[in-house]
């Protein structure tokens, strides 16, 4: 089975970049012009004998102004749907500071340890420099675990690529749904996602952080390439960029926990919504939707018809 490249996909499949909204220093540059021929991938899910439809629109959790306006075929699918499905309601979550602080506390290292106790000094210095350049570093973060730093590195890459969470697809449709008073279906919760990340043992955390520092420049370039491909909506090209064979035990563990199991849970919840007679517009991380074992693939195995629409 193909596995997702962890250094390329975190921004797409998990809303962890929201942890530091407003903390980075964005570069003051000319605003990008909207691209009128954007054709992002939209999948329609139907089943013979039923009238309800599910639309799968893979989210990219950070983007820029050139993503908008979205094409008519996407907005038409949204307007036809009575509900939207997201990983969780990011807008409501960011209003609850006490919950954010409580969830972040589980990333604090025990017994006065520091992240520099887990990685060599050279890599620590490299990581600090990357985060300082992105406006993300604080000495307070030194007492947080390697997984927290791994997430910081991913956020730095987003900022370095001149992308912003406020232009993320899921954020856009959450705002639209609240304005239109549509039902919002939360397939997960912030607590669930935080617990997944904090649940990795320290060996895996160190591995992920080490590689995110060593391969930072490559990850940033891959993110830009992925964003460009996302706008074109070529499914085969996106799979090529996102998916590869797992090459080590840590990558396998990461994918099993953060993709495979979650895909199964999301597909089950979405199918239940269809059975209940709801037309649903689903926007979760793109890496959850495409490829072998993705939501579309799992629903197809259950007898549903999947069709790309433009």
C-alpha atoms as a PDB file:
ATOM      1  CA  UNK A   1       0.000   0.000   0.000  1.00  0.00           C
ATOM      2  CA  UNK A   2       1.227   3.500  -0.772  1.00  0.00           C
ATOM      3  CA  UNK A   3       2.034   5.716   2.167  1.00  0.00           C
ATOM      4  CA  UNK A   4       2.049   9.456   2.537  1.00  0.00           C
ATOM      5  CA  UNK A   5       5.259  11.443   2.785  1.00  0.00           C
ATOM      6  CA  UNK A   6       5.119  12.964   6.214  1.00  0.00           C
ATOM      7  CA  UNK A   7       7.286  15.973   5.346  1.00  0.00           C
ATOM      8  CA  UNK A   8       4.909  16.982   2.568  1.00  0.00           C
ATOM      9  CA  UNK A   9       1.473  16.394   3.922  1.00  0.00           C
ATOM     10  CA  UNK A  10       1.036  17.577   7.487  1.00  0.00           C
ATOM     11  CA  UNK A  11      -0.305  20.935   6.380  1.00  0.00           C
ATOM     12  CA  UNK A  12      -2.886  19.199   4.193  1.00  0.00           C
ATOM     13  CA  UNK A  13      -4.276  16.489   6.414  1.00  0.00           C
ATOM     14  CA  UNK A  14      -4.132  17.903   9.917  1.00  0.00           C
ATOM     15  CA  UNK A  15      -5.167  21.299  11.162  1.00  0.00           C
ATOM     16  CA  UNK A  16      -2.118  21.637  13.346  1.00  0.00           C
ATOM     17  CA  UNK A  17      -0.930  24.848  11.736  1.00  0.00           C
ATOM     18  CA  UNK A  18      -3.715  26.617  13.642  1.00  0.00           C
ATOM     19  CA  UNK A  19      -1.721  26.212  16.839  1.00  0.00           C
ATOM     20  CA  UNK A  20       0.298  29.271  16.008  1.00  0.00           C
ATOM     21  CA  UNK A  21      -2.094  31.456  14.046  1.00  0.00           C
ATOM     22  CA  UNK A  22      -0.848  35.011  14.227  1.00  0.00           C
ATOM     23  CA  UNK A  23       2.542  34.072  15.688  1.00  0.00           C
ATOM     24  CA  UNK A  24       4.591  34.125  12.510  1.00  0.00           C
ATOM     25  CA  UNK A  25       5.884  37.192  10.729  1.00  0.00           C
ATOM     26  CA  UNK A  26       4.519  37.294   7.222  1.00  0.00           C
ATOM     27  CA  UNK A  27       6.663  38.938   4.565  1.00  0.00           C
ATOM     28  CA  UNK A  28       5.273  42.149   3.136  1.00  0.00           C
ATOM     29  CA  UNK A  29       5.004  41.391  -0.558  1.00  0.00           C
ATOM     30  CA  UNK A  30       2.641  42.167  -3.409  1.00  0.00           C
ATOM     31  CA  UNK A  31      -0.610  40.275  -3.080  1.00  0.00           C
ATOM     32  CA  UNK A  32      -0.963  37.413  -5.570  1.00  0.00           C
ATOM     33  CA  UNK A  33      -3.571  37.844  -8.258  1.00  0.00           C
ATOM     34  CA  UNK A  34      -6.450  35.324  -8.273  1.00  0.00           C
ATOM     35  CA  UNK A  35      -6.019  32.642 -10.910  1.00  0.00           C
ATOM     36  CA  UNK A  36      -9.285  32.296 -12.852  1.00  0.00           C
ATOM     37  CA  UNK A  37      -8.500  28.847 -14.242  1.00  0.00           C
ATOM     38  CA  UNK A  38      -7.906  27.096 -10.918  1.00  0.00           C
ATOM     39  CA  UNK A  39      -9.450  23.630 -11.159  1.00  0.00           C
ATOM     40  CA  UNK A  40      -9.032  21.933  -7.767  1.00  0.00           C
ATOM     41  CA  UNK A  41     -10.189  18.327  -7.431  1.00  0.00           C
ATOM     42  CA  UNK A  42     -13.821  17.740  -6.472  1.00  0.00           C
ATOM     43  CA  UNK A  43     -15.272  14.238  -6.210  1.00  0.00           C
ATOM     44  CA  UNK A  44     -18.969  13.391  -6.244  1.00  0.00           C
ATOM     45  CA  UNK A  45     -20.060  10.284  -4.328  1.00  0.00           C
ATOM     46  CA  UNK A  46     -23.352   8.594  -5.179  1.00  0.00           C
ATOM     47  CA  UNK A  47     -24.988   5.197  -4.806  1.00  0.00           C
ATOM     48  CA  UNK A  48     -27.598   3.552  -6.995  1.00  0.00           C
ATOM     49  CA  UNK A  49     -31.014   3.635  -5.401  1.00  0.00           C
ATOM     50  CA  UNK A  50     -30.365   6.741  -3.329  1.00  0.00           C
ATOM     51  CA  UNK A  51     -30.724  10.411  -4.181  1.00  0.00           C
ATOM     52  CA  UNK A  52     -28.300  11.870  -1.675  1.00  0.00           C
ATOM     53  CA  UNK A  53     -24.858  13.046  -2.668  1.00  0.00           C
ATOM     54  CA  UNK A  54     -21.574  13.501  -0.900  1.00  0.00           C
ATOM     55  CA  UNK A  55     -18.989  15.910  -2.274  1.00  0.00           C
ATOM     56  CA  UNK A  56     -15.350  15.349  -1.344  1.00  0.00           C
ATOM     57  CA  UNK A  57     -13.292  18.508  -1.687  1.00  0.00           C
ATOM     58  CA  UNK A  58      -9.820  17.937  -0.296  1.00  0.00           C
ATOM     59  CA  UNK A  59      -8.666  20.829   1.808  1.00  0.00           C
ATOM     60  CA  UNK A  60      -5.326  22.539   1.826  1.00  0.00           C
ATOM     61  CA  UNK A  61      -5.118  24.081   5.274  1.00  0.00           C
ATOM     62  CA  UNK A  62      -2.964  27.034   4.206  1.00  0.00           C
ATOM     63  CA  UNK A  63      -3.132  28.951   0.941  1.00  0.00           C
ATOM     64  CA  UNK A  64      -3.051  32.515  -0.399  1.00  0.00           C
ATOM     65  CA  UNK A  65      -5.366  34.910  -2.196  1.00  0.00           C
ATOM     66  CA  UNK A  66      -4.606  33.369  -5.575  1.00  0.00           C
ATOM     67  CA  UNK A  67      -6.778  30.396  -4.568  1.00  0.00           C
ATOM     68  CA  UNK A  68      -9.898  32.558  -4.724  1.00  0.00           C
ATOM     69  CA  UNK A  69     -12.491  32.885  -6.032  1.00  0.00           C
ATOM     70  CA  UNK A  70     -13.134  29.170  -6.132  1.00  0.00           C
ATOM     71  CA  UNK A  71     -14.608  27.844  -9.412  1.00  0.00           C
ATOM     72  CA  UNK A  72     -18.354  27.649  -9.918  1.00  0.00           C
ATOM     73  CA  UNK A  73     -18.475  23.829  -9.886  1.00  0.00           C
ATOM     74  CA  UNK A  74     -17.077  23.832  -6.332  1.00  0.00           C
ATOM     75  CA  UNK A  75     -19.370  26.556  -5.056  1.00  0.00           C
ATOM     76  CA  UNK A  76     -22.392  24.954  -6.732  1.00  0.00           C
ATOM     77  CA  UNK A  77     -21.682  21.680  -4.898  1.00  0.00           C
ATOM     78  CA  UNK A  78     -21.387  23.578  -1.623  1.00  0.00           C
ATOM     79  CA  UNK A  79     -24.673  25.424  -2.220  1.00  0.00           C
ATOM     80  CA  UNK A  80     -26.512  22.170  -3.030  1.00  0.00           C
ATOM     81  CA  UNK A  81     -25.424  20.599   0.261  1.00  0.00           C
ATOM     82  CA  UNK A  82     -27.416  20.920   3.465  1.00  0.00           C
ATOM     83  CA  UNK A  83     -24.359  20.325   5.661  1.00  0.00           C
ATOM     84  CA  UNK A  84     -20.595  20.553   5.536  1.00  0.00           C
ATOM     85  CA  UNK A  85     -18.234  18.048   7.135  1.00  0.00           C
ATOM     86  CA  UNK A  86     -14.848  19.109   8.494  1.00  0.00           C
ATOM     87  CA  UNK A  87     -12.213  17.567  10.721  1.00  0.00           C
ATOM     88  CA  UNK A  88     -13.441  19.872  13.493  1.00  0.00           C
ATOM     89  CA  UNK A  89     -14.761  23.406  13.885  1.00  0.00           C
ATOM     90  CA  UNK A  90     -11.530  25.364  13.879  1.00  0.00           C
ATOM     91  CA  UNK A  91     -13.279  28.719  14.235  1.00  0.00           C
ATOM     92  CA  UNK A  92     -15.034  27.760  17.456  1.00  0.00           C
ATOM     93  CA  UNK A  93     -11.912  26.093  18.803  1.00  0.00           C
ATOM     94  CA  UNK A  94      -9.728  29.177  18.363  1.00  0.00           C
ATOM     95  CA  UNK A  95     -12.172  31.153  20.512  1.00  0.00           C
ATOM     96  CA  UNK A  96     -11.530  28.852  23.486  1.00  0.00           C
ATOM     97  CA  UNK A  97      -8.116  29.863  24.831  1.00  0.00           C
ATOM     98  CA  UNK A  98      -8.416  27.768  27.989  1.00  0.00           C
ATOM     99  CA  UNK A  99      -8.933  24.578  25.967  1.00  0.00           C
ATOM    100  CA  UNK A 100      -5.982  25.434  23.737  1.00  0.00           C
ATOM    101  CA  UNK A 101      -3.688  25.918  26.726  1.00  0.00           C
ATOM    102  CA  UNK A 102      -4.892  22.723  28.374  1.00  0.00           C
ATOM    103  CA  UNK A 103      -4.234  20.685  25.230  1.00  0.00           C
ATOM    104  CA  UNK A 104      -0.818  22.276  24.683  1.00  0.00           C
ATOM    105  CA  UNK A 105       0.247  21.384  28.217  1.00  0.00           C
ATOM    106  CA  UNK A 106       0.527  17.724  27.262  1.00  0.00           C
ATOM    107  CA  UNK A 107       3.483  18.616  25.030  1.00  0.00           C
ATOM    108  CA  UNK A 108       5.572  19.954  27.933  1.00  0.00           C
ATOM    109  CA  UNK A 109       8.552  17.714  28.744  1.00  0.00           C
ATOM    110  CA  UNK A 110       8.721  16.172  32.243  1.00  0.00           C
ATOM    111  CA  UNK A 111      11.242  16.836  35.013  1.00  0.00           C
ATOM    112  CA  UNK A 112      12.565  20.096  33.646  1.00  0.00           C
ATOM    113  CA  UNK A 113      13.850  18.506  30.438  1.00  0.00           C
ATOM    114  CA  UNK A 114      14.395  20.525  27.278  1.00  0.00           C
ATOM    115  CA  UNK A 115      14.128  19.646  23.602  1.00  0.00           C
ATOM    116  CA  UNK A 116      17.903  20.159  23.324  1.00  0.00           C
ATOM    117  CA  UNK A 117      18.293  17.077  25.541  1.00  0.00           C
ATOM    118  CA  UNK A 118      16.842  14.986  22.711  1.00  0.00           C
ATOM    119  CA  UNK A 119      18.642  16.319  19.627  1.00  0.00           C
ATOM    120  CA  UNK A 120      22.248  17.338  19.070  1.00  0.00           C
ATOM    121  CA  UNK A 121      23.289  20.955  19.577  1.00  0.00           C
ATOM    122  CA  UNK A 122      23.905  21.625  15.880  1.00  0.00           C
ATOM    123  CA  UNK A 123      20.392  20.555  14.890  1.00  0.00           C
ATOM    124  CA  UNK A 124      18.894  22.446  17.801  1.00  0.00           C
ATOM    125  CA  UNK A 125      20.662  25.610  16.653  1.00  0.00           C
ATOM    126  CA  UNK A 126      19.471  25.024  13.075  1.00  0.00           C
ATOM    127  CA  UNK A 127      15.909  24.569  14.280  1.00  0.00           C
ATOM    128  CA  UNK A 128      16.017  27.728  16.390  1.00  0.00           C
ATOM    129  CA  UNK A 129      17.348  29.711  13.421  1.00  0.00           C
ATOM    130  CA  UNK A 130      14.571  28.447  11.146  1.00  0.00           C
ATOM    131  CA  UNK A 131      11.925  29.335  13.712  1.00  0.00           C
ATOM    132  CA  UNK A 132      13.423  32.769  14.400  1.00  0.00           C
ATOM    133  CA  UNK A 133      13.370  33.576  10.686  1.00  0.00           C
ATOM    134  CA  UNK A 134       9.688  32.642  10.615  1.00  0.00           C
ATOM    135  CA  UNK A 135       8.910  34.667  13.743  1.00  0.00           C
ATOM    136  CA  UNK A 136       7.914  31.499  15.585  1.00  0.00           C
ATOM    137  CA  UNK A 137      10.649  31.026  18.174  1.00  0.00           C
ATOM    138  CA  UNK A 138      10.301  31.705  21.879  1.00  0.00           C
ATOM    139  CA  UNK A 139      12.634  30.417  24.639  1.00  0.00           C
ATOM    140  CA  UNK A 140       9.472  29.130  26.322  1.00  0.00           C
ATOM    141  CA  UNK A 141       9.232  26.494  23.586  1.00  0.00           C
ATOM    142  CA  UNK A 142      12.477  24.838  24.751  1.00  0.00           C
ATOM    143  CA  UNK A 143      10.548  22.884  27.402  1.00  0.00           C
ATOM    144  CA  UNK A 144       8.173  21.416  24.801  1.00  0.00           C
ATOM    145  CA  UNK A 145       8.681  17.975  23.300  1.00  0.00           C
ATOM    146  CA  UNK A 146      10.100  17.117  19.853  1.00  0.00           C
ATOM    147  CA  UNK A 147       6.631  16.603  18.353  1.00  0.00           C
ATOM    148  CA  UNK A 148       5.666  20.150  19.289  1.00  0.00           C
ATOM    149  CA  UNK A 149       8.832  21.345  17.574  1.00  0.00           C
ATOM    150  CA  UNK A 150       8.063  19.181  14.556  1.00  0.00           C
ATOM    151  CA  UNK A 151       4.722  20.981  14.249  1.00  0.00           C
ATOM    152  CA  UNK A 152       6.519  24.322  14.614  1.00  0.00           C
ATOM    153  CA  UNK A 153       8.849  23.375  11.769  1.00  0.00           C
ATOM    154  CA  UNK A 154       5.851  22.600   9.568  1.00  0.00           C
ATOM    155  CA  UNK A 155       4.362  25.983  10.427  1.00  0.00           C
ATOM    156  CA  UNK A 156       7.648  27.671   9.564  1.00  0.00           C
ATOM    157  CA  UNK A 157       7.642  26.015   6.142  1.00  0.00           C
ATOM    158  CA  UNK A 158       4.117  27.308   5.532  1.00  0.00           C
ATOM    159  CA  UNK A 159       5.114  30.853   6.426  1.00  0.00           C
ATOM    160  CA  UNK A 160       8.321  30.589   4.425  1.00  0.00           C
ATOM    161  CA  UNK A 161       6.248  29.569   1.405  1.00  0.00           C
ATOM    162  CA  UNK A 162       4.141  32.726   1.871  1.00  0.00           C
ATOM    163  CA  UNK A 163       1.003  30.728   2.640  1.00  0.00           C
ATOM    164  CA  UNK A 164      -1.443  31.529   5.410  1.00  0.00           C
ATOM    165  CA  UNK A 165      -3.945  29.511   7.423  1.00  0.00           C
ATOM    166  CA  UNK A 166      -6.579  32.229   7.061  1.00  0.00           C
ATOM    167  CA  UNK A 167      -6.843  31.322   3.372  1.00  0.00           C
ATOM    168  CA  UNK A 168      -7.171  27.601   4.114  1.00  0.00           C
ATOM    169  CA  UNK A 169     -10.015  25.823   2.338  1.00  0.00           C
ATOM    170  CA  UNK A 170     -11.592  24.397   5.486  1.00  0.00           C
ATOM    171  CA  UNK A 171     -11.489  27.796   7.185  1.00  0.00           C
ATOM    172  CA  UNK A 172     -13.135  29.394   4.139  1.00  0.00           C
ATOM    173  CA  UNK A 173     -16.021  26.941   4.074  1.00  0.00           C
ATOM    174  CA  UNK A 174     -16.507  27.059   7.834  1.00  0.00           C
ATOM    175  CA  UNK A 175     -16.982  30.811   7.591  1.00  0.00           C
ATOM    176  CA  UNK A 176     -19.372  30.363   4.669  1.00  0.00           C
ATOM    177  CA  UNK A 177     -21.362  27.668   6.473  1.00  0.00           C
ATOM    178  CA  UNK A 178     -21.772  29.803   9.588  1.00  0.00           C
ATOM    179  CA  UNK A 179     -22.938  32.732   7.475  1.00  0.00           C
ATOM    180  CA  UNK A 180     -25.369  30.482   5.578  1.00  0.00           C
ATOM    181  CA  UNK A 181     -26.462  28.683   8.766  1.00  0.00           C
ATOM    182  CA  UNK A 182     -25.635  25.258   7.361  1.00  0.00           C
ATOM    183  CA  UNK A 183     -25.173  22.266   9.637  1.00  0.00           C
ATOM    184  CA  UNK A 184     -21.518  21.645  10.516  1.00  0.00           C
ATOM    185  CA  UNK A 185     -20.527  18.007  11.018  1.00  0.00           C
ATOM    186  CA  UNK A 186     -17.335  17.537  13.020  1.00  0.00           C
ATOM    187  CA  UNK A 187     -15.718  14.246  12.062  1.00  0.00           C
ATOM    188  CA  UNK A 188     -13.125  14.553  14.829  1.00  0.00           C
ATOM    189  CA  UNK A 189     -12.136  17.021  17.556  1.00  0.00           C
ATOM    190  CA  UNK A 190      -9.143  19.173  18.435  1.00  0.00           C
ATOM    191  CA  UNK A 191      -8.551  17.009  21.491  1.00  0.00           C
ATOM    192  CA  UNK A 192      -8.464  13.871  19.355  1.00  0.00           C
ATOM    193  CA  UNK A 193      -5.854  15.360  17.015  1.00  0.00           C
ATOM    194  CA  UNK A 194      -3.679  16.673  19.835  1.00  0.00           C
ATOM    195  CA  UNK A 195      -3.786  13.320  21.577  1.00  0.00           C
ATOM    196  CA  UNK A 196      -2.655  11.606  18.375  1.00  0.00           C
ATOM    197  CA  UNK A 197       0.417  13.797  18.126  1.00  0.00           C
ATOM    198  CA  UNK A 198       1.343  13.670  21.784  1.00  0.00           C
ATOM    199  CA  UNK A 199       0.914   9.898  21.811  1.00  0.00           C
ATOM    200  CA  UNK A 200       4.046   9.149  19.777  1.00  0.00           C
ATOM    201  CA  UNK A 201       6.987   7.773  21.741  1.00  0.00           C
ATOM    202  CA  UNK A 202      10.107   9.897  21.994  1.00  0.00           C
ATOM    203  CA  UNK A 203      12.109   7.860  19.482  1.00  0.00           C
ATOM    204  CA  UNK A 204       9.518   8.581  16.795  1.00  0.00           C
ATOM    205  CA  UNK A 205       9.257  12.225  17.817  1.00  0.00           C
ATOM    206  CA  UNK A 206      13.007  12.717  17.601  1.00  0.00           C
ATOM    207  CA  UNK A 207      13.116  11.008  14.219  1.00  0.00           C
ATOM    208  CA  UNK A 208      10.413  13.296  12.811  1.00  0.00           C
ATOM    209  CA  UNK A 209      11.961  16.462  14.218  1.00  0.00           C
ATOM    210  CA  UNK A 210      15.469  15.539  13.068  1.00  0.00           C
ATOM    211  CA  UNK A 211      14.317  14.931   9.505  1.00  0.00           C
ATOM    212  CA  UNK A 212      12.178  18.075   9.447  1.00  0.00           C
ATOM    213  CA  UNK A 213      15.284  20.127  10.307  1.00  0.00           C
ATOM    214  CA  UNK A 214      17.646  18.269   7.971  1.00  0.00           C
ATOM    215  CA  UNK A 215      15.211  18.409   5.035  1.00  0.00           C
ATOM    216  CA  UNK A 216      13.619  21.789   5.710  1.00  0.00           C
ATOM    217  CA  UNK A 217      14.524  23.403   2.392  1.00  0.00           C
ATOM    218  CA  UNK A 218      13.308  20.357   0.462  1.00  0.00           C
ATOM    219  CA  UNK A 219      10.061  20.317   2.445  1.00  0.00           C
ATOM    220  CA  UNK A 220       9.412  23.978   1.671  1.00  0.00           C
ATOM    221  CA  UNK A 221       9.959  23.431  -2.059  1.00  0.00           C
ATOM    222  CA  UNK A 222       7.768  20.327  -1.985  1.00  0.00           C
ATOM    223  CA  UNK A 223       5.005  22.335  -0.321  1.00  0.00           C
ATOM    224  CA  UNK A 224       5.126  24.956  -3.061  1.00  0.00           C
ATOM    225  CA  UNK A 225       5.019  22.261  -5.738  1.00  0.00           C
ATOM    226  CA  UNK A 226       2.117  20.596  -3.988  1.00  0.00           C
ATOM    227  CA  UNK A 227       0.187  23.867  -3.749  1.00  0.00           C
ATOM    228  CA  UNK A 228       0.663  24.479  -7.456  1.00  0.00           C
ATOM    229  CA  UNK A 229      -0.568  20.972  -8.232  1.00  0.00           C
ATOM    230  CA  UNK A 230      -3.510  21.324  -5.832  1.00  0.00           C
ATOM    231  CA  UNK A 231      -4.820  24.266  -7.854  1.00  0.00           C
ATOM    232  CA  UNK A 232      -4.693  22.204 -11.056  1.00  0.00           C
ATOM    233  CA  UNK A 233      -6.560  19.291  -9.459  1.00  0.00           C
ATOM    234  CA  UNK A 234      -4.806  16.491 -11.360  1.00  0.00           C
ATOM    235  CA  UNK A 235      -5.476  13.473  -9.147  1.00  0.00           C
ATOM    236  CA  UNK A 236      -2.657  11.323 -10.535  1.00  0.00           C
ATOM    237  CA  UNK A 237      -0.155  14.136 -10.148  1.00  0.00           C
ATOM    238  CA  UNK A 238      -1.309  14.809  -6.598  1.00  0.00           C
ATOM    239  CA  UNK A 239      -0.990  11.141  -5.684  1.00  0.00           C
ATOM    240  CA  UNK A 240       2.533  11.113  -7.079  1.00  0.00           C
ATOM    241  CA  UNK A 241       3.477  14.100  -4.917  1.00  0.00           C
ATOM    242  CA  UNK A 242       1.721  12.907  -1.780  1.00  0.00           C
ATOM    243  CA  UNK A 243       2.085   9.154  -1.770  1.00  0.00           C
ATOM    244  CA  UNK A 244       5.031   6.785  -1.653  1.00  0.00           C
ATOM    245  CA  UNK A 245       5.948   3.438  -0.202  1.00  0.00           C
ATOM    246  CA  UNK A 246       6.738   3.595   3.510  1.00  0.00           C
ATOM    247  CA  UNK A 247      10.485   3.315   3.950  1.00  0.00           C
ATOM    248  CA  UNK A 248      10.945   2.999   7.732  1.00  0.00           C
ATOM    249  CA  UNK A 249       9.091   2.056  10.878  1.00  0.00           C
ATOM    250  CA  UNK A 250       8.522   5.625  12.031  1.00  0.00           C
ATOM    251  CA  UNK A 251       7.002   6.766   8.749  1.00  0.00           C
ATOM    252  CA  UNK A 252       4.777   3.685   8.821  1.00  0.00           C
ATOM    253  CA  UNK A 253       3.667   4.390  12.384  1.00  0.00           C
ATOM    254  CA  UNK A 254       2.990   8.021  11.530  1.00  0.00           C
ATOM    255  CA  UNK A 255       0.877   7.110   8.522  1.00  0.00           C
ATOM    256  CA  UNK A 256      -0.999   4.315  10.254  1.00  0.00           C
ATOM    257  CA  UNK A 257      -2.051   6.587  13.120  1.00  0.00           C
ATOM    258  CA  UNK A 258      -2.623   9.825  11.262  1.00  0.00           C
ATOM    259  CA  UNK A 259      -4.009   8.575   7.964  1.00  0.00           C
ATOM    260  CA  UNK A 260      -5.119   4.951   7.790  1.00  0.00           C
ATOM    261  CA  UNK A 261      -7.177   4.778  10.978  1.00  0.00           C
ATOM    262  CA  UNK A 262      -8.576   8.266  10.603  1.00  0.00           C
ATOM    263  CA  UNK A 263      -9.624   7.630   7.002  1.00  0.00           C
ATOM    264  CA  UNK A 264     -11.624   4.614   8.113  1.00  0.00           C
ATOM    265  CA  UNK A 265     -13.351   6.577  10.872  1.00  0.00           C
ATOM    266  CA  UNK A 266     -14.146   9.514   8.582  1.00  0.00           C
ATOM    267  CA  UNK A 267     -15.497   7.304   5.805  1.00  0.00           C
ATOM    268  CA  UNK A 268     -17.789   5.553   8.282  1.00  0.00           C
ATOM    269  CA  UNK A 269     -19.148   8.859   9.629  1.00  0.00           C
ATOM    270  CA  UNK A 270     -19.722  10.247   6.141  1.00  0.00           C
ATOM    271  CA  UNK A 271     -21.566   7.108   5.075  1.00  0.00           C
ATOM    272  CA  UNK A 272     -23.809   7.422   8.133  1.00  0.00           C
ATOM    273  CA  UNK A 273     -24.678  10.974   7.064  1.00  0.00           C
ATOM    274  CA  UNK A 274     -25.648   9.713   3.613  1.00  0.00           C
ATOM    275  CA  UNK A 275     -27.782   6.959   5.118  1.00  0.00           C
ATOM    276  CA  UNK A 276     -29.523   9.618   7.219  1.00  0.00           C
ATOM    277  CA  UNK A 277     -30.510  11.361   3.982  1.00  0.00           C
ATOM    278  CA  UNK A 278     -28.111  14.305   4.067  1.00  0.00           C
ATOM    279  CA  UNK A 279     -26.380  15.939   1.135  1.00  0.00           C
ATOM    280  CA  UNK A 280     -22.928  16.749   2.505  1.00  0.00           C
ATOM    281  CA  UNK A 281     -20.029  18.862   1.304  1.00  0.00           C
ATOM    282  CA  UNK A 282     -16.923  17.393   2.959  1.00  0.00           C
ATOM    283  CA  UNK A 283     -13.673  19.330   3.132  1.00  0.00           C
ATOM    284  CA  UNK A 284     -10.938  17.517   5.027  1.00  0.00           C
ATOM    285  CA  UNK A 285      -7.227  17.302   4.283  1.00  0.00           C
ATOM    286  CA  UNK A 286      -6.619  16.220   0.697  1.00  0.00           C
ATOM    287  CA  UNK A 287      -4.327  13.376   1.757  1.00  0.00           C
ATOM    288  CA  UNK A 288      -7.321  11.776   3.504  1.00  0.00           C
ATOM    289  CA  UNK A 289      -9.351  11.648   0.305  1.00  0.00           C
ATOM    290  CA  UNK A 290      -7.189  10.415  -2.552  1.00  0.00           C
ATOM    291  CA  UNK A 291      -5.087   7.304  -3.081  1.00  0.00           C
ATOM    292  CA  UNK A 292      -5.319   3.731  -1.890  1.00  0.00           C
ATOM    293  CA  UNK A 293      -7.054   3.604   1.480  1.00  0.00           C
ATOM    294  CA  UNK A 294      -8.342   7.175   1.102  1.00  0.00           C
ATOM    295  CA  UNK A 295     -11.958   8.076   1.870  1.00  0.00           C
ATOM    296  CA  UNK A 296     -12.956   7.905  -1.803  1.00  0.00           C
ATOM    297  CA  UNK A 297     -11.368   4.472  -2.165  1.00  0.00           C
ATOM    298  CA  UNK A 298     -13.017   3.168   1.010  1.00  0.00           C
ATOM    299  CA  UNK A 299     -16.462   4.371  -0.073  1.00  0.00           C
ATOM    300  CA  UNK A 300     -15.982   2.880  -3.524  1.00  0.00           C
ATOM    301  CA  UNK A 301     -15.288  -0.473  -1.851  1.00  0.00           C
ATOM    302  CA  UNK A 302     -18.692  -0.104  -0.155  1.00  0.00           C
ATOM    303  CA  UNK A 303     -20.470   0.177  -3.502  1.00  0.00           C
ATOM    304  CA  UNK A 304     -20.471   3.931  -3.975  1.00  0.00           C
ATOM    305  CA  UNK A 305     -19.695   5.547  -7.329  1.00  0.00           C
ATOM    306  CA  UNK A 306     -16.923   8.148  -7.337  1.00  0.00           C
ATOM    307  CA  UNK A 307     -16.792  10.728 -10.114  1.00  0.00           C
ATOM    308  CA  UNK A 308     -14.593  13.793 -10.549  1.00  0.00           C
ATOM    309  CA  UNK A 309     -16.651  16.812 -11.549  1.00  0.00           C
ATOM    310  CA  UNK A 310     -15.581  20.098 -13.080  1.00  0.00           C
END
